[in-house]
Amino acid sequence: MRLVVRRWKEGWRAPRYDVFEVEADPSESVLDLVERVSLKLDPTLTFEHACHHGVCGACGMVVNGVERLTCVTRVGDVARNGVILVEPLHGFKVVSDLVVDKSRMFSRYPDDTRTLERVAAQVEKLWDCVECGICYSACPVACSYPSYLGPSVLAWAFHRAVEEGRVPAPVASRSGVWSCHAAFDCSEKCPVNFQPGEKIMRLRRLLLRGAVEVV
C-alpha cells in the first residue's frame, strides 16, 4: 500500500507530501498504517491517537479527501488503486504534520461544560459528541469564517436550550446559528451520528418562536 502523508513542521516555508510504501491488510485501519510508518519508517511523523476504538476522537484526519476517524476506517474501504492520502483536518491551525490545534473549538464551550461534576450529573460527554473536530473540518463556514462558533458548540447549545430553556447570547448572533448555511456536511461526516446540522436547524426554530431565552 502507498501511504501519502501531508507534512508540515514549524519553520517550514510550505507543506510537502511524503510517500511511504507499507505492507497492509484491507481489514486494518488507516491509523494502523500511520502508526506503522511512524514506528518503522519515519519516527518524526507526528499525529494524535488514543483509544483506537472511535471513542476519544483524537485521530480525526482527512483521508482521500474525506474527514474520518482513522482508527475505525478500514484500509480496504478507502484505498484508491492502492493509495491512501492522509492530511490534517481543515479549519484548524496545523501544529505539526497531522496534528492540529483544536482550541478554536474547545475554547467556545462555556466553562460549565468543562466542569466534571456538572457533566457527569447531566450528560455523557457532551451528549455523545466525541469532540473530534471533524464537523468543523467538513463545514464550509467554519473553514472560512473564524468567528463562527461551529457545529459541535451550536449542537451543544441546542441541548442546553431544551434542558434549561436558555442559550448564551453568542449562539443567537451572526457568529452563531444564523451563519450556518445548512449544508449538513457536518452531519454527513460525523462519525457518531451526532447530527449537529439538524440540531442547529431545530435551535433556529426555537429561537424564531421565542421558545428559549437568550442570556
C-alpha atoms as a PDB file:
ATOM      1  CA  MET A   1       0.000   0.000   0.000  1.00  0.00           C
ATOM      2  CA  ARG A   2       1.185   3.517  -0.751  1.00  0.00           C
ATOM      3  CA  LEU A   3       0.509   5.963   2.079  1.00  0.00           C
ATOM      4  CA  VAL A   4       0.841   9.620   1.078  1.00  0.00           C
ATOM      5  CA  VAL A   5       1.101  11.992   4.046  1.00  0.00           C
ATOM      6  CA  ARG A   6       0.863  15.765   4.061  1.00  0.00           C
ATOM      7  CA  ARG A   7       3.764  17.035   6.163  1.00  0.00           C
ATOM      8  CA  TRP A   8       4.448  20.394   7.753  1.00  0.00           C
ATOM      9  CA  LYS A   9       6.538  21.447  10.716  1.00  0.00           C
ATOM     10  CA  GLU A  10       7.198  24.769  12.344  1.00  0.00           C
ATOM     11  CA  GLY A  11       9.772  26.714  10.363  1.00  0.00           C
ATOM     12  CA  TRP A  12       8.955  25.135   7.007  1.00  0.00           C
ATOM     13  CA  ARG A  13       8.079  27.580   4.255  1.00  0.00           C
ATOM     14  CA  ALA A  14       5.470  25.242   2.782  1.00  0.00           C
ATOM     15  CA  PRO A  15       3.997  21.784   3.368  1.00  0.00           C
ATOM     16  CA  ARG A  16       5.118  18.750   1.389  1.00  0.00           C
ATOM     17  CA  TYR A  17       3.754  15.294   0.621  1.00  0.00           C
ATOM     18  CA  ASP A  18       5.807  12.248   1.596  1.00  0.00           C
ATOM     19  CA  VAL A  19       5.138   8.816   0.087  1.00  0.00           C
ATOM     20  CA  PHE A  20       5.622   5.619   2.093  1.00  0.00           C
ATOM     21  CA  GLU A  21       5.351   2.037   0.849  1.00  0.00           C
ATOM     22  CA  VAL A  22       3.866  -0.092   3.617  1.00  0.00           C
ATOM     23  CA  GLU A  23       2.515  -3.610   3.992  1.00  0.00           C
ATOM     24  CA  ALA A  24      -1.189  -3.527   4.750  1.00  0.00           C
ATOM     25  CA  ASP A  25      -4.194  -5.791   5.066  1.00  0.00           C
ATOM     26  CA  PRO A  26      -7.574  -4.469   3.838  1.00  0.00           C
ATOM     27  CA  SER A  27      -9.062  -5.124   7.287  1.00  0.00           C
ATOM     28  CA  GLU A  28      -6.510  -2.929   9.053  1.00  0.00           C
ATOM     29  CA  SER A  29      -7.297   0.636   9.962  1.00  0.00           C
ATOM     30  CA  VAL A  30      -5.772   3.694   8.351  1.00  0.00           C
ATOM     31  CA  LEU A  31      -4.393   4.566  11.783  1.00  0.00           C
ATOM     32  CA  ASP A  32      -2.553   1.228  11.778  1.00  0.00           C
ATOM     33  CA  LEU A  33      -0.725   2.337   8.632  1.00  0.00           C
ATOM     34  CA  VAL A  34       0.124   5.755  10.037  1.00  0.00           C
ATOM     35  CA  GLU A  35       1.487   4.134  13.188  1.00  0.00           C
ATOM     36  CA  ARG A  36       3.499   1.649  11.107  1.00  0.00           C
ATOM     37  CA  VAL A  37       5.139   4.491   9.222  1.00  0.00           C
ATOM     38  CA  SER A  38       5.944   6.280  12.467  1.00  0.00           C
ATOM     39  CA  LEU A  39       7.385   3.162  14.114  1.00  0.00           C
ATOM     40  CA  LYS A  40       9.303   1.675  11.206  1.00  0.00           C
ATOM     41  CA  LEU A  41       9.944   4.281   8.530  1.00  0.00           C
ATOM     42  CA  ASP A  42       9.877   7.827   9.902  1.00  0.00           C
ATOM     43  CA  PRO A  43       9.807   8.477  13.664  1.00  0.00           C
ATOM     44  CA  THR A  44       9.457  12.224  13.023  1.00  0.00           C
ATOM     45  CA  LEU A  45       5.898  11.790  11.738  1.00  0.00           C
ATOM     46  CA  THR A  46       3.510  13.344  14.258  1.00  0.00           C
ATOM     47  CA  PHE A  47      -0.165  12.526  14.731  1.00  0.00           C
ATOM     48  CA  GLU A  48      -2.704  12.075  17.527  1.00  0.00           C
ATOM     49  CA  HIS A  49      -4.343   8.879  18.760  1.00  0.00           C
ATOM     50  CA  ALA A  50      -5.533   7.310  21.995  1.00  0.00           C
ATOM     51  CA  CYS A  51      -8.348   4.783  22.302  1.00  0.00           C
ATOM     52  CA  HIS A  52      -8.262   3.060  18.887  1.00  0.00           C
ATOM     53  CA  HIS A  53     -11.998   2.399  19.227  1.00  0.00           C
ATOM     54  CA  GLY A  54     -13.677   5.532  17.851  1.00  0.00           C
ATOM     55  CA  VAL A  55     -14.445   6.917  21.295  1.00  0.00           C
ATOM     56  CA  CYS A  56     -11.827   9.555  22.107  1.00  0.00           C
ATOM     57  CA  GLY A  57     -11.994  11.497  18.822  1.00  0.00           C
ATOM     58  CA  ALA A  58      -8.249  12.130  18.745  1.00  0.00           C
ATOM     59  CA  CYS A  59      -7.339  10.550  15.399  1.00  0.00           C
ATOM     60  CA  GLY A  60      -9.502  12.571  13.028  1.00  0.00           C
ATOM     61  CA  MET A  61      -7.829  13.191   9.670  1.00  0.00           C
ATOM     62  CA  VAL A  62      -8.787  13.853   6.080  1.00  0.00           C
ATOM     63  CA  VAL A  63      -8.479  10.533   4.234  1.00  0.00           C
ATOM     64  CA  ASN A  64      -8.587  10.711   0.444  1.00  0.00           C
ATOM     65  CA  GLY A  65     -10.447  13.999   0.741  1.00  0.00           C
ATOM     66  CA  VAL A  66     -12.994  12.872   3.363  1.00  0.00           C
ATOM     67  CA  GLU A  67     -12.936  13.590   7.106  1.00  0.00           C
ATOM     68  CA  ARG A  68     -12.766  10.354   9.110  1.00  0.00           C
ATOM     69  CA  LEU A  69     -11.713   8.834  12.413  1.00  0.00           C
ATOM     70  CA  THR A  70      -8.764   6.823  11.167  1.00  0.00           C
ATOM     71  CA  CYS A  71      -8.925   4.197  13.923  1.00  0.00           C
ATOM     72  CA  VAL A  72     -12.282   2.919  12.634  1.00  0.00           C
ATOM     73  CA  THR A  73     -11.634   3.499   8.923  1.00  0.00           C
ATOM     74  CA  ARG A  74     -10.608   0.304   7.150  1.00  0.00           C
ATOM     75  CA  VAL A  75      -7.909   0.360   4.508  1.00  0.00           C
ATOM     76  CA  GLY A  76      -9.993  -1.720   2.110  1.00  0.00           C
ATOM     77  CA  ASP A  77     -12.857   0.784   2.289  1.00  0.00           C
ATOM     78  CA  VAL A  78     -10.906   3.882   1.330  1.00  0.00           C
ATOM     79  CA  ALA A  79      -7.829   2.874  -0.697  1.00  0.00           C
ATOM     80  CA  ARG A  80      -7.855   4.023  -4.318  1.00  0.00           C
ATOM     81  CA  ASN A  81      -5.688   1.918  -6.586  1.00  0.00           C
ATOM     82  CA  GLY A  82      -3.530   1.024  -3.596  1.00  0.00           C
ATOM     83  CA  VAL A  83      -3.085   4.652  -2.494  1.00  0.00           C
ATOM     84  CA  ILE A  84      -4.286   6.402   0.659  1.00  0.00           C
ATOM     85  CA  LEU A  85      -3.742  10.136   1.146  1.00  0.00           C
ATOM     86  CA  VAL A  86      -3.912  11.436   4.723  1.00  0.00           C
ATOM     87  CA  GLU A  87      -3.997  15.126   5.605  1.00  0.00           C
ATOM     88  CA  PRO A  88      -4.703  17.135   8.776  1.00  0.00           C
ATOM     89  CA  LEU A  89      -8.238  18.328   9.479  1.00  0.00           C
ATOM     90  CA  HIS A  90      -9.226  21.553   7.746  1.00  0.00           C
ATOM     91  CA  GLY A  91     -10.260  24.687   9.616  1.00  0.00           C
ATOM     92  CA  PHE A  92      -7.669  24.353  12.381  1.00  0.00           C
ATOM     93  CA  LYS A  93      -4.101  25.589  12.707  1.00  0.00           C
ATOM     94  CA  VAL A  94      -1.637  22.811  11.918  1.00  0.00           C
ATOM     95  CA  VAL A  95       0.788  22.238  14.777  1.00  0.00           C
ATOM     96  CA  SER A  96       2.911  19.552  13.131  1.00  0.00           C
ATOM     97  CA  ASP A  97       2.167  17.122  10.286  1.00  0.00           C
ATOM     98  CA  LEU A  98      -1.243  15.593  11.100  1.00  0.00           C
ATOM     99  CA  VAL A  99      -1.663  17.321  14.473  1.00  0.00           C
ATOM    100  CA  VAL A 100      -3.956  20.353  14.642  1.00  0.00           C
ATOM    101  CA  ASP A 101      -4.768  22.855  17.376  1.00  0.00           C
ATOM    102  CA  LYS A 102      -8.456  22.433  18.266  1.00  0.00           C
ATOM    103  CA  SER A 103      -8.551  25.274  20.763  1.00  0.00           C
ATOM    104  CA  ARG A 104     -10.846  27.317  18.477  1.00  0.00           C
ATOM    105  CA  MET A 105     -13.461  24.636  19.161  1.00  0.00           C
ATOM    106  CA  PHE A 106     -12.776  23.770  22.805  1.00  0.00           C
ATOM    107  CA  SER A 107     -12.453  27.393  23.928  1.00  0.00           C
ATOM    108  CA  ARG A 108     -16.004  28.133  22.790  1.00  0.00           C
ATOM    109  CA  TYR A 109     -17.707  25.663  25.085  1.00  0.00           C
ATOM    110  CA  PRO A 110     -18.917  27.612  28.155  1.00  0.00           C
ATOM    111  CA  ASP A 111     -16.922  26.873  31.282  1.00  0.00           C
ATOM    112  CA  ASP A 112     -19.705  24.924  32.937  1.00  0.00           C
ATOM    113  CA  THR A 113     -19.493  22.190  30.281  1.00  0.00           C
ATOM    114  CA  ARG A 114     -15.909  21.570  31.351  1.00  0.00           C
ATOM    115  CA  THR A 115     -16.869  21.033  34.999  1.00  0.00           C
ATOM    116  CA  LEU A 116     -16.676  17.297  35.526  1.00  0.00           C
ATOM    117  CA  GLU A 117     -19.337  17.149  38.243  1.00  0.00           C
ATOM    118  CA  ARG A 118     -21.879  19.040  36.126  1.00  0.00           C
ATOM    119  CA  VAL A 119     -21.269  16.968  33.021  1.00  0.00           C
ATOM    120  CA  ALA A 120     -21.319  13.668  34.907  1.00  0.00           C
ATOM    121  CA  ALA A 121     -24.581  14.581  36.588  1.00  0.00           C
ATOM    122  CA  GLN A 122     -26.467  15.691  33.489  1.00  0.00           C
ATOM    123  CA  VAL A 123     -24.925  14.332  30.305  1.00  0.00           C
ATOM    124  CA  GLU A 124     -22.428  11.887  28.866  1.00  0.00           C
ATOM    125  CA  LYS A 125     -19.503  13.544  27.127  1.00  0.00           C
ATOM    126  CA  LEU A 126     -21.491  16.404  25.612  1.00  0.00           C
ATOM    127  CA  TRP A 127     -24.431  14.207  24.637  1.00  0.00           C
ATOM    128  CA  ASP A 128     -22.266  11.571  22.909  1.00  0.00           C
ATOM    129  CA  CYS A 129     -20.226  14.026  20.814  1.00  0.00           C
ATOM    130  CA  VAL A 130     -16.613  12.767  20.786  1.00  0.00           C
ATOM    131  CA  GLU A 131     -15.236  16.270  20.124  1.00  0.00           C
ATOM    132  CA  CYS A 132     -13.139  15.062  17.206  1.00  0.00           C
ATOM    133  CA  GLY A 133     -13.360  18.301  15.205  1.00  0.00           C
ATOM    134  CA  ILE A 134     -14.488  16.512  12.047  1.00  0.00           C
ATOM    135  CA  CYS A 135     -17.634  18.640  11.833  1.00  0.00           C
ATOM    136  CA  TYR A 136     -15.511  21.810  11.817  1.00  0.00           C
ATOM    137  CA  SER A 137     -13.256  20.442   9.112  1.00  0.00           C
ATOM    138  CA  ALA A 138     -16.213  19.438   6.948  1.00  0.00           C
ATOM    139  CA  CYS A 139     -18.115  22.717   7.461  1.00  0.00           C
ATOM    140  CA  PRO A 140     -17.554  25.292   4.687  1.00  0.00           C
ATOM    141  CA  VAL A 141     -18.473  28.135   7.058  1.00  0.00           C
ATOM    142  CA  ALA A 142     -16.176  27.041   9.897  1.00  0.00           C
ATOM    143  CA  CYS A 143     -13.285  26.770   7.447  1.00  0.00           C
ATOM    144  CA  SER A 144     -13.812  30.262   6.017  1.00  0.00           C
ATOM    145  CA  TYR A 145     -15.296  32.327   8.876  1.00  0.00           C
ATOM    146  CA  PRO A 146     -13.093  32.204  12.001  1.00  0.00           C
ATOM    147  CA  SER A 147     -15.718  33.845  14.226  1.00  0.00           C
ATOM    148  CA  TYR A 148     -18.269  31.087  13.591  1.00  0.00           C
ATOM    149  CA  LEU A 149     -18.910  29.117  16.779  1.00  0.00           C
ATOM    150  CA  GLY A 150     -19.030  25.872  14.850  1.00  0.00           C
ATOM    151  CA  PRO A 151     -21.299  22.833  14.566  1.00  0.00           C
ATOM    152  CA  SER A 152     -20.483  20.993  17.780  1.00  0.00           C
ATOM    153  CA  VAL A 153     -20.785  24.066  20.003  1.00  0.00           C
ATOM    154  CA  LEU A 154     -24.119  25.008  18.450  1.00  0.00           C
ATOM    155  CA  ALA A 155     -25.383  21.444  18.771  1.00  0.00           C
ATOM    156  CA  TRP A 156     -24.423  21.583  22.440  1.00  0.00           C
ATOM    157  CA  ALA A 157     -26.376  24.850  22.710  1.00  0.00           C
ATOM    158  CA  PHE A 158     -29.464  23.110  21.334  1.00  0.00           C
ATOM    159  CA  HIS A 159     -29.322  20.558  24.147  1.00  0.00           C
ATOM    160  CA  ARG A 160     -28.889  23.352  26.664  1.00  0.00           C
ATOM    161  CA  ALA A 161     -31.885  25.136  25.184  1.00  0.00           C
ATOM    162  CA  VAL A 162     -34.037  22.031  25.566  1.00  0.00           C
ATOM    163  CA  GLU A 163     -32.893  21.287  29.112  1.00  0.00           C
ATOM    164  CA  GLU A 164     -32.654  24.803  30.533  1.00  0.00           C
ATOM    165  CA  GLY A 165     -34.752  26.978  28.216  1.00  0.00           C
ATOM    166  CA  ARG A 166     -31.870  29.364  27.531  1.00  0.00           C
ATOM    167  CA  VAL A 167     -28.790  29.832  25.379  1.00  0.00           C
ATOM    168  CA  PRO A 168     -25.758  32.146  25.607  1.00  0.00           C
ATOM    169  CA  ALA A 169     -26.085  35.326  23.516  1.00  0.00           C
ATOM    170  CA  PRO A 170     -23.302  34.428  21.037  1.00  0.00           C
ATOM    171  CA  VAL A 171     -25.335  31.401  19.953  1.00  0.00           C
ATOM    172  CA  ALA A 172     -28.116  33.681  18.682  1.00  0.00           C
ATOM    173  CA  SER A 173     -25.724  36.101  16.973  1.00  0.00           C
ATOM    174  CA  ARG A 174     -24.271  36.300  13.475  1.00  0.00           C
ATOM    175  CA  SER A 175     -21.393  34.118  14.680  1.00  0.00           C
ATOM    176  CA  GLY A 176     -23.871  31.527  15.846  1.00  0.00           C
ATOM    177  CA  VAL A 177     -26.833  29.720  14.289  1.00  0.00           C
ATOM    178  CA  TRP A 178     -27.514  32.391  11.663  1.00  0.00           C
ATOM    179  CA  SER A 179     -24.213  31.754   9.878  1.00  0.00           C
ATOM    180  CA  CYS A 180     -24.962  28.082   9.266  1.00  0.00           C
ATOM    181  CA  HIS A 181     -25.574  27.510   5.545  1.00  0.00           C
ATOM    182  CA  ALA A 182     -27.439  24.252   6.166  1.00  0.00           C
ATOM    183  CA  ALA A 183     -25.020  22.281   4.014  1.00  0.00           C
ATOM    184  CA  PHE A 184     -25.209  19.384   6.525  1.00  0.00           C
ATOM    185  CA  ASP A 185     -21.651  18.319   5.727  1.00  0.00           C
ATOM    186  CA  CYS A 186     -21.106  18.255   9.486  1.00  0.00           C
ATOM    187  CA  SER A 187     -23.805  15.646   9.975  1.00  0.00           C
ATOM    188  CA  GLU A 188     -22.774  13.619   6.940  1.00  0.00           C
ATOM    189  CA  LYS A 189     -19.179  13.319   8.141  1.00  0.00           C
ATOM    190  CA  CYS A 190     -19.880  12.936  11.877  1.00  0.00           C
ATOM    191  CA  PRO A 191     -18.526   9.506  12.915  1.00  0.00           C
ATOM    192  CA  VAL A 192     -21.012   9.064  15.775  1.00  0.00           C
ATOM    193  CA  ASN A 193     -24.232  10.328  14.136  1.00  0.00           C
ATOM    194  CA  PHE A 194     -24.437  13.310  16.497  1.00  0.00           C
ATOM    195  CA  GLN A 195     -26.361  15.228  13.796  1.00  0.00           C
ATOM    196  CA  PRO A 196     -25.101  18.745  14.549  1.00  0.00           C
ATOM    197  CA  GLY A 197     -26.684  20.185  11.401  1.00  0.00           C
ATOM    198  CA  GLU A 198     -30.148  19.005  12.304  1.00  0.00           C
ATOM    199  CA  LYS A 199     -29.758  20.304  15.849  1.00  0.00           C
ATOM    200  CA  ILE A 200     -28.711  23.740  14.604  1.00  0.00           C
ATOM    201  CA  MET A 201     -31.875  23.906  12.497  1.00  0.00           C
ATOM    202  CA  ARG A 202     -34.019  22.861  15.469  1.00  0.00           C
ATOM    203  CA  LEU A 203     -32.332  25.527  17.595  1.00  0.00           C
ATOM    204  CA  ARG A 204     -33.104  28.139  14.937  1.00  0.00           C
ATOM    205  CA  ARG A 205     -36.765  27.212  15.108  1.00  0.00           C
ATOM    206  CA  LEU A 206     -36.781  27.531  18.901  1.00  0.00           C
ATOM    207  CA  LEU A 207     -35.223  30.987  18.657  1.00  0.00           C
ATOM    208  CA  LEU A 208     -37.616  32.148  15.949  1.00  0.00           C
ATOM    209  CA  ARG A 209     -40.577  31.073  18.071  1.00  0.00           C
ATOM    210  CA  GLY A 210     -39.174  32.798  21.148  1.00  0.00           C
ATOM    211  CA  ALA A 211     -39.218  29.465  22.939  1.00  0.00           C
ATOM    212  CA  VAL A 212     -35.795  29.956  24.575  1.00  0.00           C
ATOM    213  CA  GLU A 213     -34.234  32.807  26.492  1.00  0.00           C
ATOM    214  CA  VAL A 214     -31.058  34.449  25.208  1.00  0.00           C
ATOM    215  CA  VAL A 215     -28.753  35.298  28.116  1.00  0.00           C
END
